[in-house]
Amino acid sequence: MKVEPQGPAAKAGVHQGDIIVAWNGEPIRHARSLLRALGPDSVGQTVTLGLRRGGEAKDVPLTIAERPTA
């Protein structure tokens, strides 16, 4: 997947190639688990993403924003 340069993930320090392994400390095993967590009620919430980057674990806070219109 891609990290939008001006999106919330990029602002939180997420890089392309990072693997999201947890959401607020809960394991993310499938992409659809992540998509469910990103429902319309999540906008404005701050969550902690657990990432795997180059084999190292990293936690980053992320404030969820609305998807930009195409």
Protein backbone atom coordinates (compact mmCIF):
# COMPACT_ATOMS: atom_id res chain seq x y z
CA MET A 1 0.00 0.00 0.00
CA LYS A 2 0.95 3.61 -0.37
CA VAL A 3 1.49 6.38 2.19
CA GLU A 4 -0.04 9.65 0.97
CA PRO A 5 2.64 12.35 1.34
CA GLN A 6 0.29 14.86 3.05
CA GLY A 7 -1.89 12.27 4.79
CA PRO A 8 -2.15 11.48 8.50
CA ALA A 9 0.08 8.40 8.24
CA ALA A 10 2.94 10.40 6.70
CA LYS A 11 2.49 13.11 9.35
CA ALA A 12 2.72 10.42 12.04
CA GLY A 13 5.97 9.11 10.55
CA VAL A 14 4.67 5.99 8.79
CA HIS A 15 6.84 5.04 5.81
CA GLN A 16 6.00 2.99 2.75
CA GLY A 17 7.11 -0.56 3.55
CA ASP A 18 6.19 -0.34 7.24
CA ILE A 19 4.03 -3.24 8.35
CA ILE A 20 1.14 -2.40 10.67
CA VAL A 21 1.05 -5.13 13.32
CA ALA A 22 -1.10 -3.54 16.06
CA TRP A 23 -3.84 -0.97 16.63
CA ASN A 24 -3.95 0.45 20.16
CA GLY A 25 -2.04 -2.60 21.35
CA GLU A 26 -4.37 -5.11 19.67
CA PRO A 27 -2.80 -7.31 16.97
CA ILE A 28 -3.81 -6.67 13.36
CA ARG A 29 -3.73 -9.96 11.51
CA HIS A 30 -5.61 -9.04 8.32
CA ALA A 31 -6.09 -5.91 6.23
CA ARG A 32 -9.86 -6.11 6.74
CA SER A 33 -9.34 -5.77 10.53
CA LEU A 34 -7.57 -2.49 9.86
CA LEU A 35 -10.27 -1.34 7.43
CA ARG A 36 -12.97 -2.08 10.02
CA ALA A 37 -11.09 -0.01 12.61
CA LEU A 38 -11.01 2.89 10.12
CA GLY A 39 -14.78 3.28 9.99
CA PRO A 40 -16.47 6.69 9.75
CA ASP A 41 -16.68 7.00 13.55
CA SER A 42 -12.89 6.82 13.84
CA VAL A 43 -12.23 10.26 12.28
CA GLY A 44 -10.60 12.56 14.83
CA GLN A 45 -9.48 9.75 17.14
CA THR A 46 -5.82 9.31 18.02
CA VAL A 47 -4.58 5.73 18.04
CA THR A 48 -1.25 4.04 18.53
CA LEU A 49 -0.04 2.04 15.55
CA GLY A 50 2.37 -0.78 16.20
CA LEU A 51 4.71 -1.00 13.22
CA ARG A 52 7.44 -3.32 12.03
CA ARG A 53 10.13 -1.39 10.14
CA GLY A 54 13.21 -3.21 8.93
CA GLY A 55 12.63 -5.93 11.54
CA GLU A 56 12.34 -3.44 14.42
CA ALA A 57 9.18 -2.69 16.40
CA LYS A 58 8.00 0.91 16.57
CA ASP A 59 4.88 2.57 18.02
CA VAL A 60 3.57 5.80 16.50
CA PRO A 61 0.58 7.95 17.50
CA LEU A 62 -1.75 8.70 14.59
CA THR A 63 -4.76 11.01 14.44
CA ILE A 64 -7.28 9.64 11.96
CA ALA A 65 -8.54 12.06 9.31
CA GLU A 66 -11.13 11.85 6.54
CA ARG A 67 -10.10 10.42 3.22
CA PRO A 68 -9.47 13.11 0.64
CA THR A 69 -11.93 13.24 -2.24
CA ALA A 70 -10.61 11.94 -5.53
